[in-house]
Amino acid sequence: MNEEFIAERLLQLRQTKGASARDMSLSIGQNPNYINHIENRKMLPSMRAFFYICEYLNITPLNFFDVGSSQPEQLNDVMENLKKLDEKSLSYIAGIVKELACK
């Protein structure tokens, strides 16, 4: 992990969400150029700011670093709903997902 990864991943996730760097910066309580500075590799976010970034993107820190997921916000929402299912329902969903993944 390095500054380049953080910058590129943040850019990808922000664009997927359809948010501007300025709006995102202001929404997490930072100056208007904050996200732009991170994406341009001029700085790294503090740990606190990183958690605010994840919260804004509606993802977990794990989702941020999981480059295998192109839609981490949707995946996070699905996971939260799966946790609410009983064992039988979860088993059905697991079978459906397995079948779809093989296509």
PDB file of N, CA and C in Angstrom:
ATOM      1  N   MET A   1       0.841  -1.180   0.000  1.00  0.00           N
ATOM      2  CA  MET A   1       0.000   0.000   0.000  1.00  0.00           C
ATOM      3  C   MET A   1       0.882   1.238   0.000  1.00  0.00           C
ATOM      4  N   ASN A   2       0.498   2.170  -0.834  1.00  0.00           N
ATOM      5  CA  ASN A   2       1.231   3.427  -0.852  1.00  0.00           C
ATOM      6  C   ASN A   2       0.290   4.567  -1.217  1.00  0.00           C
ATOM      7  N   GLU A   3       0.853   5.754  -1.309  1.00  0.00           N
ATOM      8  CA  GLU A   3       0.039   6.930  -1.619  1.00  0.00           C
ATOM      9  C   GLU A   3      -0.685   6.779  -2.943  1.00  0.00           C
ATOM     10  N   GLU A   4      -0.036   6.148  -3.901  1.00  0.00           N
ATOM     11  CA  GLU A   4      -0.648   5.978  -5.219  1.00  0.00           C
ATOM     12  C   GLU A   4      -1.908   5.114  -5.131  1.00  0.00           C
ATOM     13  N   PHE A   5      -1.836   4.017  -4.370  1.00  0.00           N
ATOM     14  CA  PHE A   5      -3.009   3.157  -4.214  1.00  0.00           C
ATOM     15  C   PHE A   5      -4.157   3.924  -3.566  1.00  0.00           C
ATOM     16  N   ILE A   6      -3.876   4.623  -2.472  1.00  0.00           N
ATOM     17  CA  ILE A   6      -4.905   5.381  -1.761  1.00  0.00           C
ATOM     18  C   ILE A   6      -5.550   6.390  -2.705  1.00  0.00           C
ATOM     19  N   ALA A   7      -4.725   7.112  -3.445  1.00  0.00           N
ATOM     20  CA  ALA A   7      -5.228   8.140  -4.358  1.00  0.00           C
ATOM     21  C   ALA A   7      -6.109   7.534  -5.448  1.00  0.00           C
ATOM     22  N   GLU A   8      -5.631   6.472  -6.074  1.00  0.00           N
ATOM     23  CA  GLU A   8      -6.377   5.857  -7.179  1.00  0.00           C
ATOM     24  C   GLU A   8      -7.674   5.206  -6.694  1.00  0.00           C
ATOM     25  N   ARG A   9      -7.599   4.538  -5.550  1.00  0.00           N
ATOM     26  CA  ARG A   9      -8.796   3.875  -5.027  1.00  0.00           C
ATOM     27  C   ARG A   9      -9.847   4.896  -4.615  1.00  0.00           C
ATOM     28  N   LEU A  10      -9.409   5.973  -3.969  1.00  0.00           N
ATOM     29  CA  LEU A  10     -10.341   7.026  -3.580  1.00  0.00           C
ATOM     30  C   LEU A  10     -11.008   7.633  -4.811  1.00  0.00           C
ATOM     31  N   LEU A  11     -10.234   7.910  -5.832  1.00  0.00           N
ATOM     32  CA  LEU A  11     -10.783   8.462  -7.070  1.00  0.00           C
ATOM     33  C   LEU A  11     -11.820   7.513  -7.667  1.00  0.00           C
ATOM     34  N   GLN A  12     -11.478   6.235  -7.734  1.00  0.00           N
ATOM     35  CA  GLN A  12     -12.398   5.243  -8.302  1.00  0.00           C
ATOM     36  C   GLN A  12     -13.707   5.188  -7.516  1.00  0.00           C
ATOM     37  N   LEU A  13     -13.602   5.105  -6.201  1.00  0.00           N
ATOM     38  CA  LEU A  13     -14.803   4.985  -5.368  1.00  0.00           C
ATOM     39  C   LEU A  13     -15.648   6.261  -5.402  1.00  0.00           C
ATOM     40  N   ARG A  14     -14.984   7.401  -5.400  1.00  0.00           N
ATOM     41  CA  ARG A  14     -15.712   8.678  -5.449  1.00  0.00           C
ATOM     42  C   ARG A  14     -16.456   8.819  -6.771  1.00  0.00           C
ATOM     43  N   GLN A  15     -15.794   8.475  -7.869  1.00  0.00           N
ATOM     44  CA  GLN A  15     -16.438   8.574  -9.179  1.00  0.00           C
ATOM     45  C   GLN A  15     -17.587   7.575  -9.306  1.00  0.00           C
ATOM     46  N   THR A  16     -17.412   6.390  -8.756  1.00  0.00           N
ATOM     47  CA  THR A  16     -18.488   5.391  -8.774  1.00  0.00           C
ATOM     48  C   THR A  16     -19.721   5.933  -8.052  1.00  0.00           C
ATOM     49  N   LYS A  17     -19.489   6.643  -6.965  1.00  0.00           N
ATOM     50  CA  LYS A  17     -20.588   7.236  -6.204  1.00  0.00           C
ATOM     51  C   LYS A  17     -21.183   8.441  -6.932  1.00  0.00           C
ATOM     52  N   GLY A  18     -20.423   9.038  -7.851  1.00  0.00           N
ATOM     53  CA  GLY A  18     -20.909  10.199  -8.594  1.00  0.00           C
ATOM     54  C   GLY A  18     -20.777  11.497  -7.818  1.00  0.00           C
ATOM     55  N   ALA A  19     -19.828  11.554  -6.902  1.00  0.00           N
ATOM     56  CA  ALA A  19     -19.638  12.746  -6.076  1.00  0.00           C
ATOM     57  C   ALA A  19     -18.452  13.556  -6.578  1.00  0.00           C
ATOM     58  N   SER A  20     -18.544  14.866  -6.432  1.00  0.00           N
ATOM     59  CA  SER A  20     -17.403  15.711  -6.778  1.00  0.00           C
ATOM     60  C   SER A  20     -16.437  15.719  -5.604  1.00  0.00           C
ATOM     61  N   ALA A  21     -15.171  15.967  -5.890  1.00  0.00           N
ATOM     62  CA  ALA A  21     -14.155  16.029  -4.837  1.00  0.00           C
ATOM     63  C   ALA A  21     -14.484  17.148  -3.855  1.00  0.00           C
ATOM     64  N   ARG A  22     -14.953  18.263  -4.377  1.00  0.00           N
ATOM     65  CA  ARG A  22     -15.282  19.406  -3.518  1.00  0.00           C
ATOM     66  C   ARG A  22     -16.433  19.068  -2.569  1.00  0.00           C
ATOM     67  N   ASP A  23     -17.518  18.521  -3.104  1.00  0.00           N
ATOM     68  CA  ASP A  23     -18.669  18.168  -2.270  1.00  0.00           C
ATOM     69  C   ASP A  23     -18.292  17.129  -1.215  1.00  0.00           C
ATOM     70  N   MET A  24     -17.480  16.161  -1.613  1.00  0.00           N
ATOM     71  CA  MET A  24     -17.071  15.141  -0.672  1.00  0.00           C
ATOM     72  C   MET A  24     -16.222  15.756   0.436  1.00  0.00           C
ATOM     73  N   SER A  25     -15.298  16.623   0.070  1.00  0.00           N
ATOM     74  CA  SER A  25     -14.444  17.300   1.055  1.00  0.00           C
ATOM     75  C   SER A  25     -15.283  18.040   2.082  1.00  0.00           C
ATOM     76  N   LEU A  26     -16.234  18.811   1.600  1.00  0.00           N
ATOM     77  CA  LEU A  26     -17.071  19.600   2.503  1.00  0.00           C
ATOM     78  C   LEU A  26     -17.970  18.707   3.355  1.00  0.00           C
ATOM     79  N   SER A  27     -18.451  17.608   2.776  1.00  0.00           N
ATOM     80  CA  SER A  27     -19.340  16.697   3.501  1.00  0.00           C
ATOM     81  C   SER A  27     -18.645  15.997   4.659  1.00  0.00           C
ATOM     82  N   ILE A  28     -17.333  15.812   4.552  1.00  0.00           N
ATOM     83  CA  ILE A  28     -16.608  15.162   5.646  1.00  0.00           C
ATOM     84  C   ILE A  28     -15.943  16.188   6.567  1.00  0.00           C
ATOM     85  N   GLY A  29     -16.319  17.453   6.396  1.00  0.00           N
ATOM     86  CA  GLY A  29     -15.849  18.489   7.303  1.00  0.00           C
ATOM     87  C   GLY A  29     -14.454  19.012   7.031  1.00  0.00           C
ATOM     88  N   GLN A  30     -14.031  18.935   5.793  1.00  0.00           N
ATOM     89  CA  GLN A  30     -12.683  19.392   5.429  1.00  0.00           C
ATOM     90  C   GLN A  30     -12.766  20.596   4.498  1.00  0.00           C
ATOM     91  N   ASN A  31     -11.602  21.150   4.179  1.00  0.00           N
ATOM     92  CA  ASN A  31     -11.593  22.277   3.244  1.00  0.00           C
ATOM     93  C   ASN A  31     -11.957  21.771   1.851  1.00  0.00           C
ATOM     94  N   PRO A  32     -12.396  22.656   0.965  1.00  0.00           N
ATOM     95  CA  PRO A  32     -12.900  22.232  -0.351  1.00  0.00           C
ATOM     96  C   PRO A  32     -11.907  21.442  -1.212  1.00  0.00           C
ATOM     97  N   ASN A  33     -10.612  21.598  -0.966  1.00  0.00           N
ATOM     98  CA  ASN A  33      -9.605  20.924  -1.793  1.00  0.00           C
ATOM     99  C   ASN A  33      -9.033  19.653  -1.155  1.00  0.00           C
ATOM    100  N   TYR A  34      -9.558  19.251  -0.029  1.00  0.00           N
ATOM    101  CA  TYR A  34      -8.993  18.133   0.729  1.00  0.00           C
ATOM    102  C   TYR A  34      -8.915  16.840  -0.089  1.00  0.00           C
ATOM    103  N   ILE A  35     -10.020  16.403  -0.640  1.00  0.00           N
ATOM    104  CA  ILE A  35     -10.045  15.154  -1.418  1.00  0.00           C
ATOM    105  C   ILE A  35      -9.172  15.290  -2.659  1.00  0.00           C
ATOM    106  N   ASN A  36      -9.205  16.446  -3.280  1.00  0.00           N
ATOM    107  CA  ASN A  36      -8.364  16.697  -4.451  1.00  0.00           C
ATOM    108  C   ASN A  36      -6.883  16.535  -4.102  1.00  0.00           C
ATOM    109  N   HIS A  37      -6.470  17.018  -2.946  1.00  0.00           N
ATOM    110  CA  HIS A  37      -5.073  16.884  -2.518  1.00  0.00           C
ATOM    111  C   HIS A  37      -4.693  15.411  -2.324  1.00  0.00           C
ATOM    112  N   ILE A  38      -5.605  14.624  -1.783  1.00  0.00           N
ATOM    113  CA  ILE A  38      -5.325  13.197  -1.606  1.00  0.00           C
ATOM    114  C   ILE A  38      -5.225  12.509  -2.962  1.00  0.00           C
ATOM    115  N   GLU A  39      -6.176  12.794  -3.842  1.00  0.00           N
ATOM    116  CA  GLU A  39      -6.180  12.154  -5.167  1.00  0.00           C
ATOM    117  C   GLU A  39      -4.992  12.584  -6.021  1.00  0.00           C
ATOM    118  N   ASN A  40      -4.445  13.759  -5.745  1.00  0.00           N
ATOM    119  CA  ASN A  40      -3.268  14.236  -6.481  1.00  0.00           C
ATOM    120  C   ASN A  40      -1.963  13.917  -5.759  1.00  0.00           C
ATOM    121  N   ARG A  41      -2.041  13.039  -4.770  1.00  0.00           N
ATOM    122  CA  ARG A  41      -0.884  12.527  -4.036  1.00  0.00           C
ATOM    123  C   ARG A  41      -0.086  13.598  -3.307  1.00  0.00           C
ATOM    124  N   LYS A  42      -0.766  14.652  -2.898  1.00  0.00           N
ATOM    125  CA  LYS A  42      -0.102  15.715  -2.145  1.00  0.00           C
ATOM    126  C   LYS A  42      -0.153  15.439  -0.647  1.00  0.00           C
ATOM    127  N   MET A  43      -1.063  14.559  -0.230  1.00  0.00           N
ATOM    128  CA  MET A  43      -1.196  14.228   1.184  1.00  0.00           C
ATOM    129  C   MET A  43      -1.962  12.923   1.341  1.00  0.00           C
ATOM    130  N   LEU A  44      -1.876  12.362   2.523  1.00  0.00           N
ATOM    131  CA  LEU A  44      -2.670  11.194   2.892  1.00  0.00           C
ATOM    132  C   LEU A  44      -3.684  11.619   3.945  1.00  0.00           C
ATOM    133  N   PRO A  45      -4.833  10.960   3.996  1.00  0.00           N
ATOM    134  CA  PRO A  45      -5.808  11.319   5.027  1.00  0.00           C
ATOM    135  C   PRO A  45      -5.339  10.843   6.400  1.00  0.00           C
ATOM    136  N   SER A  46      -5.738  11.553   7.424  1.00  0.00           N
ATOM    137  CA  SER A  46      -5.509  11.065   8.784  1.00  0.00           C
ATOM    138  C   SER A  46      -6.402   9.849   8.980  1.00  0.00           C
ATOM    139  N   MET A  47      -6.148   9.112  10.039  1.00  0.00           N
ATOM    140  CA  MET A  47      -6.980   7.941  10.313  1.00  0.00           C
ATOM    141  C   MET A  47      -8.427   8.360  10.527  1.00  0.00           C
ATOM    142  N   ARG A  48      -8.647   9.419  11.256  1.00  0.00           N
ATOM    143  CA  ARG A  48     -10.007   9.911  11.501  1.00  0.00           C
ATOM    144  C   ARG A  48     -10.681  10.294  10.179  1.00  0.00           C
ATOM    145  N   ALA A  49      -9.954  11.021   9.330  1.00  0.00           N
ATOM    146  CA  ALA A  49     -10.516  11.424   8.035  1.00  0.00           C
ATOM    147  C   ALA A  49     -10.793  10.209   7.160  1.00  0.00           C
ATOM    148  N   PHE A  50      -9.926   9.198   7.239  1.00  0.00           N
ATOM    149  CA  PHE A  50     -10.142   7.976   6.465  1.00  0.00           C
ATOM    150  C   PHE A  50     -11.471   7.329   6.853  1.00  0.00           C
ATOM    151  N   PHE A  51     -11.775   7.279   8.154  1.00  0.00           N
ATOM    152  CA  PHE A  51     -13.048   6.712   8.580  1.00  0.00           C
ATOM    153  C   PHE A  51     -14.220   7.556   8.103  1.00  0.00           C
ATOM    154  N   TYR A  52     -14.074   8.871   8.086  1.00  0.00           N
ATOM    155  CA  TYR A  52     -15.125   9.740   7.558  1.00  0.00           C
ATOM    156  C   TYR A  52     -15.312   9.509   6.052  1.00  0.00           C
ATOM    157  N   ILE A  53     -14.213   9.305   5.355  1.00  0.00           N
ATOM    158  CA  ILE A  53     -14.274   9.019   3.916  1.00  0.00           C
ATOM    159  C   ILE A  53     -15.054   7.725   3.684  1.00  0.00           C
ATOM    160  N   CYS A  54     -14.729   6.696   4.437  1.00  0.00           N
ATOM    161  CA  CYS A  54     -15.439   5.416   4.294  1.00  0.00           C
ATOM    162  C   CYS A  54     -16.922   5.571   4.616  1.00  0.00           C
ATOM    163  N   GLU A  55     -17.209   6.316   5.665  1.00  0.00           N
ATOM    164  CA  GLU A  55     -18.608   6.550   6.032  1.00  0.00           C
ATOM    165  C   GLU A  55     -19.338   7.290   4.915  1.00  0.00           C
ATOM    166  N   TYR A  56     -18.712   8.290   4.345  1.00  0.00           N
ATOM    167  CA  TYR A  56     -19.308   9.049   3.246  1.00  0.00           C
ATOM    168  C   TYR A  56     -19.593   8.133   2.057  1.00  0.00           C
ATOM    169  N   LEU A  57     -18.655   7.241   1.768  1.00  0.00           N
ATOM    170  CA  LEU A  57     -18.804   6.322   0.638  1.00  0.00           C
ATOM    171  C   LEU A  57     -19.718   5.135   0.951  1.00  0.00           C
ATOM    172  N   ASN A  58     -20.155   5.043   2.215  1.00  0.00           N
ATOM    173  CA  ASN A  58     -21.013   3.949   2.678  1.00  0.00           C
ATOM    174  C   ASN A  58     -20.333   2.592   2.500  1.00  0.00           C
ATOM    175  N   ILE A  59     -19.061   2.541   2.886  1.00  0.00           N
ATOM    176  CA  ILE A  59     -18.286   1.308   2.815  1.00  0.00           C
ATOM    177  C   ILE A  59     -17.520   1.145   4.128  1.00  0.00           C
ATOM    178  N   THR A  60     -16.989  -0.040   4.326  1.00  0.00           N
ATOM    179  CA  THR A  60     -16.121  -0.283   5.471  1.00  0.00           C
ATOM    180  C   THR A  60     -14.673  -0.051   5.037  1.00  0.00           C
ATOM    181  N   PRO A  61     -13.762   0.125   5.993  1.00  0.00           N
ATOM    182  CA  PRO A  61     -12.344   0.212   5.616  1.00  0.00           C
ATOM    183  C   PRO A  61     -11.889  -1.031   4.839  1.00  0.00           C
ATOM    184  N   LEU A  62     -12.422  -2.193   5.206  1.00  0.00           N
ATOM    185  CA  LEU A  62     -12.085  -3.409   4.464  1.00  0.00           C
ATOM    186  C   LEU A  62     -12.513  -3.287   3.002  1.00  0.00           C
ATOM    187  N   ASN A  63     -13.717  -2.749   2.765  1.00  0.00           N
ATOM    188  CA  ASN A  63     -14.178  -2.546   1.382  1.00  0.00           C
ATOM    189  C   ASN A  63     -13.245  -1.612   0.624  1.00  0.00           C
ATOM    190  N   PHE A  64     -12.715  -0.606   1.309  1.00  0.00           N
ATOM    191  CA  PHE A  64     -11.818   0.356   0.653  1.00  0.00           C
ATOM    192  C   PHE A  64     -10.602  -0.356   0.073  1.00  0.00           C
ATOM    193  N   PHE A  65     -10.048  -1.291   0.828  1.00  0.00           N
ATOM    194  CA  PHE A  65      -8.819  -1.966   0.394  1.00  0.00           C
ATOM    195  C   PHE A  65      -9.078  -3.206  -0.450  1.00  0.00           C
ATOM    196  N   ASP A  66     -10.334  -3.595  -0.615  1.00  0.00           N
ATOM    197  CA  ASP A  66     -10.693  -4.760  -1.412  1.00  0.00           C
ATOM    198  C   ASP A  66     -10.843  -4.345  -2.869  1.00  0.00           C
ATOM    199  N   VAL A  67      -9.745  -4.393  -3.614  1.00  0.00           N
ATOM    200  CA  VAL A  67      -9.779  -3.949  -5.003  1.00  0.00           C
ATOM    201  C   VAL A  67     -10.513  -4.926  -5.909  1.00  0.00           C
ATOM    202  N   GLY A  68     -10.841  -6.107  -5.406  1.00  0.00           N
ATOM    203  CA  GLY A  68     -11.593  -7.074  -6.195  1.00  0.00           C
ATOM    204  C   GLY A  68     -13.062  -6.734  -6.303  1.00  0.00           C
ATOM    205  N   SER A  69     -13.493  -5.733  -5.559  1.00  0.00           N
ATOM    206  CA  SER A  69     -14.893  -5.338  -5.561  1.00  0.00           C
ATOM    207  C   SER A  69     -15.051  -4.009  -6.306  1.00  0.00           C
ATOM    208  N   SER A  70     -15.741  -4.050  -7.437  1.00  0.00           N
ATOM    209  CA  SER A  70     -15.936  -2.819  -8.211  1.00  0.00           C
ATOM    210  C   SER A  70     -17.119  -1.999  -7.697  1.00  0.00           C
ATOM    211  N   GLN A  71     -17.991  -2.634  -6.925  1.00  0.00           N
ATOM    212  CA  GLN A  71     -19.174  -1.961  -6.364  1.00  0.00           C
ATOM    213  C   GLN A  71     -19.233  -2.179  -4.855  1.00  0.00           C
ATOM    214  N   PRO A  72     -18.270  -1.654  -4.108  1.00  0.00           N
ATOM    215  CA  PRO A  72     -18.236  -1.956  -2.673  1.00  0.00           C
ATOM    216  C   PRO A  72     -19.433  -1.431  -1.893  1.00  0.00           C
ATOM    217  N   GLU A  73     -20.022  -0.321  -2.316  1.00  0.00           N
ATOM    218  CA  GLU A  73     -21.182   0.200  -1.589  1.00  0.00           C
ATOM    219  C   GLU A  73     -22.348  -0.773  -1.681  1.00  0.00           C
ATOM    220  N   GLN A  74     -22.606  -1.284  -2.884  1.00  0.00           N
ATOM    221  CA  GLN A  74     -23.683  -2.249  -3.057  1.00  0.00           C
ATOM    222  C   GLN A  74     -23.377  -3.540  -2.309  1.00  0.00           C
ATOM    223  N   LEU A  75     -22.138  -3.985  -2.368  1.00  0.00           N
ATOM    224  CA  LEU A  75     -21.748  -5.200  -1.672  1.00  0.00           C
ATOM    225  C   LEU A  75     -21.936  -5.040  -0.168  1.00  0.00           C
ATOM    226  N   ASN A  76     -21.584  -3.889   0.356  1.00  0.00           N
ATOM    227  CA  ASN A  76     -21.759  -3.619   1.782  1.00  0.00           C
ATOM    228  C   ASN A  76     -23.240  -3.662   2.161  1.00  0.00           C
ATOM    229  N   ASP A  77     -24.099  -3.063   1.337  1.00  0.00           N
ATOM    230  CA  ASP A  77     -25.542  -3.087   1.594  1.00  0.00           C
ATOM    231  C   ASP A  77     -26.081  -4.517   1.576  1.00  0.00           C
ATOM    232  N   VAL A  78     -25.644  -5.313   0.594  1.00  0.00           N
ATOM    233  CA  VAL A  78     -26.084  -6.701   0.499  1.00  0.00           C
ATOM    234  C   VAL A  78     -25.650  -7.483   1.743  1.00  0.00           C
ATOM    235  N   MET A  79     -24.404  -7.280   2.151  1.00  0.00           N
ATOM    236  CA  MET A  79     -23.895  -7.992   3.329  1.00  0.00           C
ATOM    237  C   MET A  79     -24.694  -7.641   4.583  1.00  0.00           C
ATOM    238  N   GLU A  80     -25.034  -6.388   4.735  1.00  0.00           N
ATOM    239  CA  GLU A  80     -25.818  -5.978   5.908  1.00  0.00           C
ATOM    240  C   GLU A  80     -27.183  -6.650   5.909  1.00  0.00           C
ATOM    241  N   ASN A  81     -27.802  -6.771   4.740  1.00  0.00           N
ATOM    242  CA  ASN A  81     -29.104  -7.432   4.659  1.00  0.00           C
ATOM    243  C   ASN A  81     -28.990  -8.947   4.841  1.00  0.00           C
ATOM    244  N   LEU A  82     -27.901  -9.539   4.338  1.00  0.00           N
ATOM    245  CA  LEU A  82     -27.712 -10.979   4.518  1.00  0.00           C
ATOM    246  C   LEU A  82     -27.580 -11.350   5.985  1.00  0.00           C
ATOM    247  N   LYS A  83     -26.987 -10.474   6.778  1.00  0.00           N
ATOM    248  CA  LYS A  83     -26.818 -10.742   8.206  1.00  0.00           C
ATOM    249  C   LYS A  83     -28.148 -10.857   8.936  1.00  0.00           C
ATOM    250  N   LYS A  84     -29.208 -10.342   8.343  1.00  0.00           N
ATOM    251  CA  LYS A  84     -30.532 -10.355   8.972  1.00  0.00           C
ATOM    252  C   LYS A  84     -31.329 -11.626   8.655  1.00  0.00           C
ATOM    253  N   LEU A  85     -30.835 -12.443   7.732  1.00  0.00           N
ATOM    254  CA  LEU A  85     -31.571 -13.625   7.292  1.00  0.00           C
ATOM    255  C   LEU A  85     -31.389 -14.800   8.251  1.00  0.00           C
ATOM    256  N   ASP A  86     -32.406 -15.668   8.275  1.00  0.00           N
ATOM    257  CA  ASP A  86     -32.264 -16.898   9.049  1.00  0.00           C
ATOM    258  C   ASP A  86     -31.433 -17.892   8.232  1.00  0.00           C
ATOM    259  N   GLU A  87     -31.063 -18.993   8.847  1.00  0.00           N
ATOM    260  CA  GLU A  87     -30.159 -19.961   8.222  1.00  0.00           C
ATOM    261  C   GLU A  87     -30.715 -20.525   6.918  1.00  0.00           C
ATOM    262  N   LYS A  88     -32.004 -20.836   6.894  1.00  0.00           N
ATOM    263  CA  LYS A  88     -32.621 -21.424   5.696  1.00  0.00           C
ATOM    264  C   LYS A  88     -32.611 -20.431   4.530  1.00  0.00           C
ATOM    265  N   SER A  89     -32.997 -19.201   4.807  1.00  0.00           N
ATOM    266  CA  SER A  89     -33.016 -18.175   3.756  1.00  0.00           C
ATOM    267  C   SER A  89     -31.605 -17.902   3.245  1.00  0.00           C
ATOM    268  N   LEU A  90     -30.643 -17.844   4.146  1.00  0.00           N
ATOM    269  CA  LEU A  90     -29.259 -17.603   3.762  1.00  0.00           C
ATOM    270  C   LEU A  90     -28.738 -18.734   2.881  1.00  0.00           C
ATOM    271  N   SER A  91     -29.148 -19.950   3.174  1.00  0.00           N
ATOM    272  CA  SER A  91     -28.750 -21.106   2.376  1.00  0.00           C
ATOM    273  C   SER A  91     -29.298 -20.991   0.953  1.00  0.00           C
ATOM    274  N   TYR A  92     -30.557 -20.562   0.822  1.00  0.00           N
ATOM    275  CA  TYR A  92     -31.141 -20.359  -0.507  1.00  0.00           C
ATOM    276  C   TYR A  92     -30.378 -19.298  -1.293  1.00  0.00           C
ATOM    277  N   ILE A  93     -30.104 -18.189  -0.635  1.00  0.00           N
ATOM    278  CA  ILE A  93     -29.394 -17.092  -1.291  1.00  0.00           C
ATOM    279  C   ILE A  93     -27.994 -17.544  -1.707  1.00  0.00           C
ATOM    280  N   ALA A  94     -27.320 -18.294  -0.851  1.00  0.00           N
ATOM    281  CA  ALA A  94     -25.978 -18.788  -1.174  1.00  0.00           C
ATOM    282  C   ALA A  94     -26.013 -19.647  -2.435  1.00  0.00           C
ATOM    283  N   GLY A  95     -27.046 -20.491  -2.568  1.00  0.00           N
ATOM    284  CA  GLY A  95     -27.187 -21.322  -3.762  1.00  0.00           C
ATOM    285  C   GLY A  95     -27.409 -20.495  -5.017  1.00  0.00           C
ATOM    286  N   ILE A  96     -28.225 -19.463  -4.897  1.00  0.00           N
ATOM    287  CA  ILE A  96     -28.498 -18.584  -6.040  1.00  0.00           C
ATOM    288  C   ILE A  96     -27.224 -17.855  -6.467  1.00  0.00           C
ATOM    289  N   VAL A  97     -26.490 -17.328  -5.495  1.00  0.00           N
ATOM    290  CA  VAL A  97     -25.262 -16.592  -5.794  1.00  0.00           C
ATOM    291  C   VAL A  97     -24.236 -17.521  -6.456  1.00  0.00           C
ATOM    292  N   LYS A  98     -24.115 -18.727  -5.929  1.00  0.00           N
ATOM    293  CA  LYS A  98     -23.166 -19.692  -6.507  1.00  0.00           C
ATOM    294  C   LYS A  98     -23.532 -19.977  -7.959  1.00  0.00           C
ATOM    295  N   GLU A  99     -24.814 -20.173  -8.215  1.00  0.00           N
ATOM    296  CA  GLU A  99     -25.274 -20.455  -9.581  1.00  0.00           C
ATOM    297  C   GLU A  99     -24.994 -19.266 -10.513  1.00  0.00           C
ATOM    298  N   LEU A 100     -25.280 -18.081 -10.064  1.00  0.00           N
ATOM    299  CA  LEU A 100     -25.050 -16.886 -10.886  1.00  0.00           C
ATOM    300  C   LEU A 100     -23.551 -16.669 -11.149  1.00  0.00           C
ATOM    301  N   ALA A 101     -22.726 -16.947 -10.166  1.00  0.00           N
ATOM    302  CA  ALA A 101     -21.285 -16.737 -10.306  1.00  0.00           C
ATOM    303  C   ALA A 101     -20.662 -17.692 -11.313  1.00  0.00           C
ATOM    304  N   CYS A 102     -21.302 -18.824 -11.528  1.00  0.00           N
ATOM    305  CA  CYS A 102     -20.762 -19.817 -12.466  1.00  0.00           C
ATOM    306  C   CYS A 102     -21.118 -19.509 -13.912  1.00  0.00           C
ATOM    307  N   LYS A 103     -21.991 -18.553 -14.142  1.00  0.00           N
ATOM    308  CA  LYS A 103     -22.427 -18.230 -15.512  1.00  0.00           C
ATOM    309  C   LYS A 103     -21.493 -17.278 -16.170  1.00  0.00           C
TER     310      LYS A 103
END
